[in-house]
Amino acid sequence: MLTDLSDDQFALELLQDHRAESREMLEKMAVAVETGDYQEVKDQAHGLKGSSAVFGFKEMSKLMKQVEDEARDAVDNGSDHADSLRVHLAKLEEMLDALTVDDFLDQA
């Protein structure tokens, strides 16, 4: 378990990097939903699903799986999931806002 100050600082830097990259991906997904580019939504969700899992953020990874699956359905079947995807992306934003170093340390 990470416990000393240098480990805490390292964890904070990792968390900040993950949060910043996740926000960039969130923004790309939001734009893609509005333009109907569900392939982009799927690709971004897939990447964020994996990075969230690596960090141990299981709920975030699970949410991104839902986004990825809905976007895949839109790509494959022409289904319109825009409203649902907007709800999921709002939830992702809430999750990112709520992330703390303690969340990360609890996963380590």
PDB file of N, CA and C in Angstrom:
ATOM      1  N   MET A   1       0.844  -1.182   0.000  1.00  0.00           N
ATOM      2  CA  MET A   1       0.000   0.000   0.000  1.00  0.00           C
ATOM      3  C   MET A   1       0.884   1.238   0.000  1.00  0.00           C
ATOM      4  N   LEU A   2       0.474   2.242  -0.749  1.00  0.00           N
ATOM      5  CA  LEU A   2       1.228   3.492  -0.800  1.00  0.00           C
ATOM      6  C   LEU A   2       0.980   4.260   0.491  1.00  0.00           C
ATOM      7  N   THR A   3       2.064   4.608   1.203  1.00  0.00           N
ATOM      8  CA  THR A   3       1.839   5.288   2.471  1.00  0.00           C
ATOM      9  C   THR A   3       2.756   6.473   2.719  1.00  0.00           C
ATOM     10  N   ASP A   4       3.983   6.480   2.218  1.00  0.00           N
ATOM     11  CA  ASP A   4       4.842   7.607   2.562  1.00  0.00           C
ATOM     12  C   ASP A   4       4.557   8.799   1.659  1.00  0.00           C
ATOM     13  N   LEU A   5       5.103   9.964   2.060  1.00  0.00           N
ATOM     14  CA  LEU A   5       4.802  11.218   1.389  1.00  0.00           C
ATOM     15  C   LEU A   5       5.135  11.167  -0.095  1.00  0.00           C
ATOM     16  N   SER A   6       6.276  10.585  -0.459  1.00  0.00           N
ATOM     17  CA  SER A   6       6.644  10.537  -1.871  1.00  0.00           C
ATOM     18  C   SER A   6       5.648   9.688  -2.658  1.00  0.00           C
ATOM     19  N   ASP A   7       5.165   8.617  -2.057  1.00  0.00           N
ATOM     20  CA  ASP A   7       4.160   7.798  -2.728  1.00  0.00           C
ATOM     21  C   ASP A   7       2.846   8.562  -2.871  1.00  0.00           C
ATOM     22  N   ASP A   8       2.478   9.311  -1.840  1.00  0.00           N
ATOM     23  CA  ASP A   8       1.261  10.112  -1.910  1.00  0.00           C
ATOM     24  C   ASP A   8       1.373  11.164  -3.008  1.00  0.00           C
ATOM     25  N   GLN A   9       2.526  11.806  -3.111  1.00  0.00           N
ATOM     26  CA  GLN A   9       2.727  12.818  -4.139  1.00  0.00           C
ATOM     27  C   GLN A   9       2.669  12.187  -5.527  1.00  0.00           C
ATOM     28  N   PHE A  10       3.298  11.033  -5.664  1.00  0.00           N
ATOM     29  CA  PHE A  10       3.267  10.314  -6.935  1.00  0.00           C
ATOM     30  C   PHE A  10       1.831   9.937  -7.295  1.00  0.00           C
ATOM     31  N   ALA A  11       1.083   9.454  -6.315  1.00  0.00           N
ATOM     32  CA  ALA A  11      -0.310   9.083  -6.536  1.00  0.00           C
ATOM     33  C   ALA A  11      -1.125  10.304  -6.961  1.00  0.00           C
ATOM     34  N   LEU A  12      -0.872  11.436  -6.343  1.00  0.00           N
ATOM     35  CA  LEU A  12      -1.577  12.662  -6.705  1.00  0.00           C
ATOM     36  C   LEU A  12      -1.285  13.039  -8.158  1.00  0.00           C
ATOM     37  N   GLU A  13      -0.036  12.944  -8.547  1.00  0.00           N
ATOM     38  CA  GLU A  13       0.333  13.264  -9.931  1.00  0.00           C
ATOM     39  C   GLU A  13      -0.336  12.298 -10.908  1.00  0.00           C
ATOM     40  N   LEU A  14      -0.342  11.017 -10.590  1.00  0.00           N
ATOM     41  CA  LEU A  14      -1.013  10.042 -11.454  1.00  0.00           C
ATOM     42  C   LEU A  14      -2.503  10.347 -11.570  1.00  0.00           C
ATOM     43  N   LEU A  15      -3.120  10.655 -10.445  1.00  0.00           N
ATOM     44  CA  LEU A  15      -4.545  10.961 -10.441  1.00  0.00           C
ATOM     45  C   LEU A  15      -4.833  12.210 -11.265  1.00  0.00           C
ATOM     46  N   GLN A  16      -4.012  13.235 -11.101  1.00  0.00           N
ATOM     47  CA  GLN A  16      -4.206  14.472 -11.863  1.00  0.00           C
ATOM     48  C   GLN A  16      -4.058  14.210 -13.360  1.00  0.00           C
ATOM     49  N   ASP A  17      -3.079  13.404 -13.738  1.00  0.00           N
ATOM     50  CA  ASP A  17      -2.893  13.060 -15.148  1.00  0.00           C
ATOM     51  C   ASP A  17      -4.101  12.286 -15.686  1.00  0.00           C
ATOM     52  N   HIS A  18      -4.546  11.314 -14.904  1.00  0.00           N
ATOM     53  CA  HIS A  18      -5.707  10.519 -15.328  1.00  0.00           C
ATOM     54  C   HIS A  18      -6.936  11.415 -15.470  1.00  0.00           C
ATOM     55  N   ARG A  19      -7.149  12.286 -14.512  1.00  0.00           N
ATOM     56  CA  ARG A  19      -8.312  13.178 -14.552  1.00  0.00           C
ATOM     57  C   ARG A  19      -8.237  14.089 -15.782  1.00  0.00           C
ATOM     58  N   ALA A  20      -7.053  14.657 -16.051  1.00  0.00           N
ATOM     59  CA  ALA A  20      -6.902  15.560 -17.201  1.00  0.00           C
ATOM     60  C   ALA A  20      -7.147  14.822 -18.511  1.00  0.00           C
ATOM     61  N   GLU A  21      -6.566  13.652 -18.663  1.00  0.00           N
ATOM     62  CA  GLU A  21      -6.777  12.865 -19.883  1.00  0.00           C
ATOM     63  C   GLU A  21      -8.234  12.432 -20.010  1.00  0.00           C
ATOM     64  N   SER A  22      -8.842  12.083 -18.899  1.00  0.00           N
ATOM     65  CA  SER A  22     -10.244  11.660 -18.922  1.00  0.00           C
ATOM     66  C   SER A  22     -11.146  12.817 -19.327  1.00  0.00           C
ATOM     67  N   ARG A  23     -10.843  14.002 -18.851  1.00  0.00           N
ATOM     68  CA  ARG A  23     -11.647  15.173 -19.227  1.00  0.00           C
ATOM     69  C   ARG A  23     -11.519  15.462 -20.724  1.00  0.00           C
ATOM     70  N   GLU A  24     -10.329  15.295 -21.267  1.00  0.00           N
ATOM     71  CA  GLU A  24     -10.148  15.478 -22.711  1.00  0.00           C
ATOM     72  C   GLU A  24     -10.991  14.460 -23.480  1.00  0.00           C
ATOM     73  N   MET A  25     -10.983  13.232 -23.010  1.00  0.00           N
ATOM     74  CA  MET A  25     -11.765  12.182 -23.661  1.00  0.00           C
ATOM     75  C   MET A  25     -13.262  12.467 -23.514  1.00  0.00           C
ATOM     76  N   LEU A  26     -13.662  12.951 -22.350  1.00  0.00           N
ATOM     77  CA  LEU A  26     -15.061  13.312 -22.116  1.00  0.00           C
ATOM     78  C   LEU A  26     -15.490  14.395 -23.093  1.00  0.00           C
ATOM     79  N   GLU A  27     -14.661  15.397 -23.271  1.00  0.00           N
ATOM     80  CA  GLU A  27     -14.986  16.482 -24.197  1.00  0.00           C
ATOM     81  C   GLU A  27     -15.115  15.957 -25.628  1.00  0.00           C
ATOM     82  N   LYS A  28     -14.208  15.086 -26.028  1.00  0.00           N
ATOM     83  CA  LYS A  28     -14.278  14.496 -27.372  1.00  0.00           C
ATOM     84  C   LYS A  28     -15.565  13.693 -27.536  1.00  0.00           C
ATOM     85  N   MET A  29     -15.939  12.946 -26.495  1.00  0.00           N
ATOM     86  CA  MET A  29     -17.168  12.159 -26.582  1.00  0.00           C
ATOM     87  C   MET A  29     -18.396  13.064 -26.654  1.00  0.00           C
ATOM     88  N   ALA A  30     -18.400  14.135 -25.869  1.00  0.00           N
ATOM     89  CA  ALA A  30     -19.540  15.054 -25.871  1.00  0.00           C
ATOM     90  C   ALA A  30     -19.732  15.677 -27.251  1.00  0.00           C
ATOM     91  N   VAL A  31     -18.644  16.124 -27.861  1.00  0.00           N
ATOM     92  CA  VAL A  31     -18.717  16.696 -29.210  1.00  0.00           C
ATOM     93  C   VAL A  31     -19.186  15.631 -30.194  1.00  0.00           C
ATOM     94  N   ALA A  32     -18.654  14.430 -30.064  1.00  0.00           N
ATOM     95  CA  ALA A  32     -19.012  13.347 -30.981  1.00  0.00           C
ATOM     96  C   ALA A  32     -20.486  12.977 -30.865  1.00  0.00           C
ATOM     97  N   VAL A  33     -21.029  12.989 -29.654  1.00  0.00           N
ATOM     98  CA  VAL A  33     -22.462  12.705 -29.485  1.00  0.00           C
ATOM     99  C   VAL A  33     -23.272  13.754 -30.233  1.00  0.00           C
ATOM    100  N   GLU A  34     -22.893  15.009 -30.083  1.00  0.00           N
ATOM    101  CA  GLU A  34     -23.650  16.089 -30.718  1.00  0.00           C
ATOM    102  C   GLU A  34     -23.552  16.053 -32.243  1.00  0.00           C
ATOM    103  N   THR A  35     -22.472  15.540 -32.774  1.00  0.00           N
ATOM    104  CA  THR A  35     -22.310  15.474 -34.232  1.00  0.00           C
ATOM    105  C   THR A  35     -22.717  14.113 -34.798  1.00  0.00           C
ATOM    106  N   GLY A  36     -23.102  13.183 -33.913  1.00  0.00           N
ATOM    107  CA  GLY A  36     -23.515  11.864 -34.367  1.00  0.00           C
ATOM    108  C   GLY A  36     -22.373  10.953 -34.757  1.00  0.00           C
ATOM    109  N   ASP A  37     -21.169  11.275 -34.284  1.00  0.00           N
ATOM    110  CA  ASP A  37     -19.986  10.452 -34.591  1.00  0.00           C
ATOM    111  C   ASP A  37     -19.836   9.382 -33.511  1.00  0.00           C
ATOM    112  N   TYR A  38     -20.669   8.362 -33.605  1.00  0.00           N
ATOM    113  CA  TYR A  38     -20.693   7.331 -32.570  1.00  0.00           C
ATOM    114  C   TYR A  38     -19.457   6.437 -32.589  1.00  0.00           C
ATOM    115  N   GLN A  39     -18.786   6.358 -33.710  1.00  0.00           N
ATOM    116  CA  GLN A  39     -17.521   5.612 -33.756  1.00  0.00           C
ATOM    117  C   GLN A  39     -16.499   6.294 -32.836  1.00  0.00           C
ATOM    118  N   GLU A  40     -16.449   7.618 -32.873  1.00  0.00           N
ATOM    119  CA  GLU A  40     -15.539   8.358 -31.994  1.00  0.00           C
ATOM    120  C   GLU A  40     -15.921   8.158 -30.531  1.00  0.00           C
ATOM    121  N   VAL A  41     -17.215   8.188 -30.248  1.00  0.00           N
ATOM    122  CA  VAL A  41     -17.674   7.938 -28.872  1.00  0.00           C
ATOM    123  C   VAL A  41     -17.206   6.561 -28.428  1.00  0.00           C
ATOM    124  N   LYS A  42     -17.421   5.579 -29.279  1.00  0.00           N
ATOM    125  CA  LYS A  42     -17.026   4.196 -28.953  1.00  0.00           C
ATOM    126  C   LYS A  42     -15.528   4.097 -28.699  1.00  0.00           C
ATOM    127  N   ASP A  43     -14.742   4.704 -29.564  1.00  0.00           N
ATOM    128  CA  ASP A  43     -13.282   4.633 -29.430  1.00  0.00           C
ATOM    129  C   ASP A  43     -12.801   5.309 -28.147  1.00  0.00           C
ATOM    130  N   GLN A  44     -13.326   6.481 -27.862  1.00  0.00           N
ATOM    131  CA  GLN A  44     -12.916   7.204 -26.651  1.00  0.00           C
ATOM    132  C   GLN A  44     -13.367   6.446 -25.392  1.00  0.00           C
ATOM    133  N   ALA A  45     -14.584   5.928 -25.421  1.00  0.00           N
ATOM    134  CA  ALA A  45     -15.096   5.177 -24.264  1.00  0.00           C
ATOM    135  C   ALA A  45     -14.259   3.927 -24.020  1.00  0.00           C
ATOM    136  N   HIS A  46     -13.863   3.275 -25.099  1.00  0.00           N
ATOM    137  CA  HIS A  46     -13.032   2.075 -24.961  1.00  0.00           C
ATOM    138  C   HIS A  46     -11.712   2.417 -24.269  1.00  0.00           C
ATOM    139  N   GLY A  47     -11.083   3.492 -24.696  1.00  0.00           N
ATOM    140  CA  GLY A  47      -9.815   3.893 -24.084  1.00  0.00           C
ATOM    141  C   GLY A  47      -9.975   4.267 -22.621  1.00  0.00           C
ATOM    142  N   LEU A  48     -11.023   5.007 -22.315  1.00  0.00           N
ATOM    143  CA  LEU A  48     -11.237   5.429 -20.934  1.00  0.00           C
ATOM    144  C   LEU A  48     -11.664   4.261 -20.052  1.00  0.00           C
ATOM    145  N   LYS A  49     -12.364   3.321 -20.636  1.00  0.00           N
ATOM    146  CA  LYS A  49     -12.739   2.102 -19.891  1.00  0.00           C
ATOM    147  C   LYS A  49     -11.475   1.384 -19.412  1.00  0.00           C
ATOM    148  N   GLY A  50     -10.522   1.243 -20.311  1.00  0.00           N
ATOM    149  CA  GLY A  50      -9.286   0.550 -19.970  1.00  0.00           C
ATOM    150  C   GLY A  50      -8.434   1.295 -18.969  1.00  0.00           C
ATOM    151  N   SER A  51      -8.242   2.587 -19.174  1.00  0.00           N
ATOM    152  CA  SER A  51      -7.392   3.343 -18.247  1.00  0.00           C
ATOM    153  C   SER A  51      -8.039   3.428 -16.868  1.00  0.00           C
ATOM    154  N   SER A  52      -9.348   3.524 -16.818  1.00  0.00           N
ATOM    155  CA  SER A  52     -10.028   3.548 -15.518  1.00  0.00           C
ATOM    156  C   SER A  52      -9.870   2.219 -14.798  1.00  0.00           C
ATOM    157  N   ALA A  53      -9.927   1.136 -15.544  1.00  0.00           N
ATOM    158  CA  ALA A  53      -9.736  -0.186 -14.937  1.00  0.00           C
ATOM    159  C   ALA A  53      -8.320  -0.329 -14.388  1.00  0.00           C
ATOM    160  N   VAL A  54      -7.339   0.170 -15.139  1.00  0.00           N
ATOM    161  CA  VAL A  54      -5.946   0.093 -14.679  1.00  0.00           C
ATOM    162  C   VAL A  54      -5.775   0.822 -13.349  1.00  0.00           C
ATOM    163  N   PHE A  55      -6.454   1.961 -13.204  1.00  0.00           N
ATOM    164  CA  PHE A  55      -6.366   2.727 -11.966  1.00  0.00           C
ATOM    165  C   PHE A  55      -7.251   2.162 -10.867  1.00  0.00           C
ATOM    166  N   GLY A  56      -8.055   1.173 -11.194  1.00  0.00           N
ATOM    167  CA  GLY A  56      -8.912   0.549 -10.187  1.00  0.00           C
ATOM    168  C   GLY A  56     -10.242   1.251  -9.983  1.00  0.00           C
ATOM    169  N   PHE A  57     -10.597   2.163 -10.897  1.00  0.00           N
ATOM    170  CA  PHE A  57     -11.872   2.873 -10.794  1.00  0.00           C
ATOM    171  C   PHE A  57     -12.940   2.050 -11.505  1.00  0.00           C
ATOM    172  N   LYS A  58     -13.436   1.052 -10.789  1.00  0.00           N
ATOM    173  CA  LYS A  58     -14.320   0.056 -11.377  1.00  0.00           C
ATOM    174  C   LYS A  58     -15.645   0.643 -11.860  1.00  0.00           C
ATOM    175  N   GLU A  59     -16.223   1.542 -11.093  1.00  0.00           N
ATOM    176  CA  GLU A  59     -17.511   2.128 -11.489  1.00  0.00           C
ATOM    177  C   GLU A  59     -17.355   2.970 -12.748  1.00  0.00           C
ATOM    178  N   MET A  60     -16.251   3.686 -12.855  1.00  0.00           N
ATOM    179  CA  MET A  60     -16.003   4.486 -14.044  1.00  0.00           C
ATOM    180  C   MET A  60     -15.796   3.572 -15.252  1.00  0.00           C
ATOM    181  N   SER A  61     -15.052   2.517 -15.060  1.00  0.00           N
ATOM    182  CA  SER A  61     -14.821   1.558 -16.140  1.00  0.00           C
ATOM    183  C   SER A  61     -16.133   0.913 -16.581  1.00  0.00           C
ATOM    184  N   LYS A  62     -16.975   0.575 -15.617  1.00  0.00           N
ATOM    185  CA  LYS A  62     -18.274  -0.025 -15.914  1.00  0.00           C
ATOM    186  C   LYS A  62     -19.156   0.952 -16.700  1.00  0.00           C
ATOM    187  N   LEU A  63     -19.144   2.205 -16.308  1.00  0.00           N
ATOM    188  CA  LEU A  63     -19.911   3.227 -17.018  1.00  0.00           C
ATOM    189  C   LEU A  63     -19.419   3.379 -18.457  1.00  0.00           C
ATOM    190  N   MET A  64     -18.107   3.351 -18.632  1.00  0.00           N
ATOM    191  CA  MET A  64     -17.553   3.490 -19.981  1.00  0.00           C
ATOM    192  C   MET A  64     -17.871   2.270 -20.838  1.00  0.00           C
ATOM    193  N   LYS A  65     -18.033   1.111 -20.218  1.00  0.00           N
ATOM    194  CA  LYS A  65     -18.478  -0.069 -20.969  1.00  0.00           C
ATOM    195  C   LYS A  65     -19.884   0.160 -21.495  1.00  0.00           C
ATOM    196  N   GLN A  66     -20.753   0.738 -20.669  1.00  0.00           N
ATOM    197  CA  GLN A  66     -22.114   1.047 -21.114  1.00  0.00           C
ATOM    198  C   GLN A  66     -22.085   2.027 -22.285  1.00  0.00           C
ATOM    199  N   VAL A  67     -21.264   3.070 -22.165  1.00  0.00           N
ATOM    200  CA  VAL A  67     -21.149   4.063 -23.232  1.00  0.00           C
ATOM    201  C   VAL A  67     -20.641   3.395 -24.503  1.00  0.00           C
ATOM    202  N   GLU A  68     -19.606   2.582 -24.358  1.00  0.00           N
ATOM    203  CA  GLU A  68     -19.041   1.889 -25.512  1.00  0.00           C
ATOM    204  C   GLU A  68     -20.086   0.993 -26.174  1.00  0.00           C
ATOM    205  N   ASP A  69     -20.838   0.248 -25.376  1.00  0.00           N
ATOM    206  CA  ASP A  69     -21.848  -0.656 -25.924  1.00  0.00           C
ATOM    207  C   ASP A  69     -22.957   0.105 -26.651  1.00  0.00           C
ATOM    208  N   GLU A  70     -23.407   1.211 -26.077  1.00  0.00           N
ATOM    209  CA  GLU A  70     -24.457   1.999 -26.726  1.00  0.00           C
ATOM    210  C   GLU A  70     -23.940   2.633 -28.014  1.00  0.00           C
ATOM    211  N   ALA A  71     -22.720   3.128 -27.979  1.00  0.00           N
ATOM    212  CA  ALA A  71     -22.140   3.723 -29.179  1.00  0.00           C
ATOM    213  C   ALA A  71     -21.951   2.657 -30.262  1.00  0.00           C
ATOM    214  N   ARG A  72     -21.540   1.461 -29.858  1.00  0.00           N
ATOM    215  CA  ARG A  72     -21.385   0.362 -30.823  1.00  0.00           C
ATOM    216  C   ARG A  72     -22.738   0.032 -31.465  1.00  0.00           C
ATOM    217  N   ASP A  73     -23.784   0.000 -30.657  1.00  0.00           N
ATOM    218  CA  ASP A  73     -25.123  -0.265 -31.184  1.00  0.00           C
ATOM    219  C   ASP A  73     -25.522   0.822 -32.179  1.00  0.00           C
ATOM    220  N   ALA A  74     -25.188   2.062 -31.884  1.00  0.00           N
ATOM    221  CA  ALA A  74     -25.502   3.156 -32.800  1.00  0.00           C
ATOM    222  C   ALA A  74     -24.744   3.004 -34.113  1.00  0.00           C
ATOM    223  N   VAL A  75     -23.477   2.610 -34.021  1.00  0.00           N
ATOM    224  CA  VAL A  75     -22.665   2.406 -35.232  1.00  0.00           C
ATOM    225  C   VAL A  75     -23.190   1.221 -36.030  1.00  0.00           C
ATOM    226  N   ASP A  76     -23.430   0.118 -35.361  1.00  0.00           N
ATOM    227  CA  ASP A  76     -23.798  -1.119 -36.049  1.00  0.00           C
ATOM    228  C   ASP A  76     -25.241  -1.123 -36.546  1.00  0.00           C
ATOM    229  N   ASN A  77     -26.143  -0.495 -35.792  1.00  0.00           N
ATOM    230  CA  ASN A  77     -27.571  -0.624 -36.092  1.00  0.00           C
ATOM    231  C   ASN A  77     -28.271   0.704 -36.379  1.00  0.00           C
ATOM    232  N   GLY A  78     -27.530   1.789 -36.310  1.00  0.00           N
ATOM    233  CA  GLY A  78     -28.136   3.095 -36.555  1.00  0.00           C
ATOM    234  C   GLY A  78     -29.048   3.555 -35.436  1.00  0.00           C
ATOM    235  N   SER A  79     -28.923   2.953 -34.273  1.00  0.00           N
ATOM    236  CA  SER A  79     -29.758   3.318 -33.129  1.00  0.00           C
ATOM    237  C   SER A  79     -29.378   4.704 -32.629  1.00  0.00           C
ATOM    238  N   ASP A  80     -30.354   5.416 -32.088  1.00  0.00           N
ATOM    239  CA  ASP A  80     -30.105   6.748 -31.556  1.00  0.00           C
ATOM    240  C   ASP A  80     -30.026   6.666 -30.030  1.00  0.00           C
ATOM    241  N   HIS A  81     -28.825   6.786 -29.521  1.00  0.00           N
ATOM    242  CA  HIS A  81     -28.609   6.732 -28.073  1.00  0.00           C
ATOM    243  C   HIS A  81     -28.137   8.074 -27.527  1.00  0.00           C
ATOM    244  N   ALA A  82     -28.332   9.145 -28.277  1.00  0.00           N
ATOM    245  CA  ALA A  82     -27.785  10.443 -27.888  1.00  0.00           C
ATOM    246  C   ALA A  82     -28.228  10.859 -26.483  1.00  0.00           C
ATOM    247  N   ASP A  83     -29.510  10.751 -26.186  1.00  0.00           N
ATOM    248  CA  ASP A  83     -29.994  11.186 -24.866  1.00  0.00           C
ATOM    249  C   ASP A  83     -29.374  10.362 -23.751  1.00  0.00           C
ATOM    250  N   SER A  84     -29.336   9.060 -23.925  1.00  0.00           N
ATOM    251  CA  SER A  84     -28.749   8.179 -22.920  1.00  0.00           C
ATOM    252  C   SER A  84     -27.254   8.461 -22.755  1.00  0.00           C
ATOM    253  N   LEU A  85     -26.575   8.667 -23.867  1.00  0.00           N
ATOM    254  CA  LEU A  85     -25.134   8.949 -23.802  1.00  0.00           C
ATOM    255  C   LEU A  85     -24.868  10.261 -23.086  1.00  0.00           C
ATOM    256  N   ARG A  86     -25.703  11.255 -23.301  1.00  0.00           N
ATOM    257  CA  ARG A  86     -25.540  12.531 -22.585  1.00  0.00           C
ATOM    258  C   ARG A  86     -25.648  12.316 -21.079  1.00  0.00           C
ATOM    259  N   VAL A  87     -26.585  11.481 -20.665  1.00  0.00           N
ATOM    260  CA  VAL A  87     -26.753  11.178 -19.233  1.00  0.00           C
ATOM    261  C   VAL A  87     -25.500  10.482 -18.703  1.00  0.00           C
ATOM    262  N   HIS A  88     -25.002   9.513 -19.430  1.00  0.00           N
ATOM    263  CA  HIS A  88     -23.791   8.796 -19.012  1.00  0.00           C
ATOM    264  C   HIS A  88     -22.590   9.741 -18.921  1.00  0.00           C
ATOM    265  N   LEU A  89     -22.457  10.645 -19.883  1.00  0.00           N
ATOM    266  CA  LEU A  89     -21.317  11.556 -19.869  1.00  0.00           C
ATOM    267  C   LEU A  89     -21.428  12.560 -18.721  1.00  0.00           C
ATOM    268  N   ALA A  90     -22.631  12.964 -18.372  1.00  0.00           N
ATOM    269  CA  ALA A  90     -22.814  13.826 -17.196  1.00  0.00           C
ATOM    270  C   ALA A  90     -22.402  13.088 -15.928  1.00  0.00           C
ATOM    271  N   LYS A  91     -22.748  11.808 -15.863  1.00  0.00           N
ATOM    272  CA  LYS A  91     -22.346  10.981 -14.712  1.00  0.00           C
ATOM    273  C   LYS A  91     -20.828  10.851 -14.660  1.00  0.00           C
ATOM    274  N   LEU A  92     -20.196  10.674 -15.817  1.00  0.00           N
ATOM    275  CA  LEU A  92     -18.738  10.604 -15.858  1.00  0.00           C
ATOM    276  C   LEU A  92     -18.125  11.895 -15.327  1.00  0.00           C
ATOM    277  N   GLU A  93     -18.672  13.012 -15.721  1.00  0.00           N
ATOM    278  CA  GLU A  93     -18.145  14.296 -15.241  1.00  0.00           C
ATOM    279  C   GLU A  93     -18.253  14.382 -13.716  1.00  0.00           C
ATOM    280  N   GLU A  94     -19.367  13.937 -13.163  1.00  0.00           N
ATOM    281  CA  GLU A  94     -19.530  13.911 -11.704  1.00  0.00           C
ATOM    282  C   GLU A  94     -18.480  13.016 -11.056  1.00  0.00           C
ATOM    283  N   MET A  95     -18.242  11.855 -11.652  1.00  0.00           N
ATOM    284  CA  MET A  95     -17.245  10.928 -11.111  1.00  0.00           C
ATOM    285  C   MET A  95     -15.856  11.565 -11.127  1.00  0.00           C
ATOM    286  N   LEU A  96     -15.520  12.227 -12.208  1.00  0.00           N
ATOM    287  CA  LEU A  96     -14.201  12.863 -12.308  1.00  0.00           C
ATOM    288  C   LEU A  96     -14.062  13.972 -11.275  1.00  0.00           C
ATOM    289  N   ASP A  97     -15.122  14.741 -11.076  1.00  0.00           N
ATOM    290  CA  ASP A  97     -15.087  15.815 -10.083  1.00  0.00           C
ATOM    291  C   ASP A  97     -14.891  15.277  -8.672  1.00  0.00           C
ATOM    292  N   ALA A  98     -15.410  14.084  -8.429  1.00  0.00           N
ATOM    293  CA  ALA A  98     -15.381  13.513  -7.085  1.00  0.00           C
ATOM    294  C   ALA A  98     -14.118  12.707  -6.768  1.00  0.00           C
ATOM    295  N   LEU A  99     -13.295  12.405  -7.771  1.00  0.00           N
ATOM    296  CA  LEU A  99     -12.098  11.596  -7.536  1.00  0.00           C
ATOM    297  C   LEU A  99     -11.134  12.286  -6.584  1.00  0.00           C
ATOM    298  N   THR A 100     -10.601  11.504  -5.663  1.00  0.00           N
ATOM    299  CA  THR A 100      -9.608  12.019  -4.720  1.00  0.00           C
ATOM    300  C   THR A 100      -8.401  11.094  -4.697  1.00  0.00           C
ATOM    301  N   VAL A 101      -7.326  11.594  -4.124  1.00  0.00           N
ATOM    302  CA  VAL A 101      -6.130  10.775  -3.968  1.00  0.00           C
ATOM    303  C   VAL A 101      -6.456   9.548  -3.127  1.00  0.00           C
ATOM    304  N   ASP A 102      -7.295   9.705  -2.124  1.00  0.00           N
ATOM    305  CA  ASP A 102      -7.674   8.573  -1.287  1.00  0.00           C
ATOM    306  C   ASP A 102      -8.337   7.470  -2.109  1.00  0.00           C
ATOM    307  N   ASP A 103      -9.137   7.857  -3.100  1.00  0.00           N
ATOM    308  CA  ASP A 103      -9.750   6.849  -3.978  1.00  0.00           C
ATOM    309  C   ASP A 103      -8.671   6.038  -4.668  1.00  0.00           C
ATOM    310  N   PHE A 104      -7.660   6.723  -5.133  1.00  0.00           N
ATOM    311  CA  PHE A 104      -6.563   6.050  -5.832  1.00  0.00           C
ATOM    312  C   PHE A 104      -5.749   5.194  -4.855  1.00  0.00           C
ATOM    313  N   LEU A 105      -5.439   5.751  -3.690  1.00  0.00           N
ATOM    314  CA  LEU A 105      -4.642   5.017  -2.712  1.00  0.00           C
ATOM    315  C   LEU A 105      -5.376   3.772  -2.222  1.00  0.00           C
ATOM    316  N   ASP A 106      -6.700   3.874  -2.134  1.00  0.00           N
ATOM    317  CA  ASP A 106      -7.486   2.709  -1.706  1.00  0.00           C
ATOM    318  C   ASP A 106      -7.398   1.580  -2.717  1.00  0.00           C
ATOM    319  N   GLN A 107      -7.113   1.900  -3.972  1.00  0.00           N
ATOM    320  CA  GLN A 107      -7.015   0.892  -5.021  1.00  0.00           C
ATOM    321  C   GLN A 107      -5.606   0.279  -5.089  1.00  0.00           C
ATOM    322  N   ALA A 108      -4.615   1.015  -4.581  1.00  0.00           N
ATOM    323  CA  ALA A 108      -3.218   0.584  -4.684  1.00  0.00           C
ATOM    324  C   ALA A 108      -2.897  -0.549  -3.751  1.00  0.00           C
TER     325      ALA A 108
END
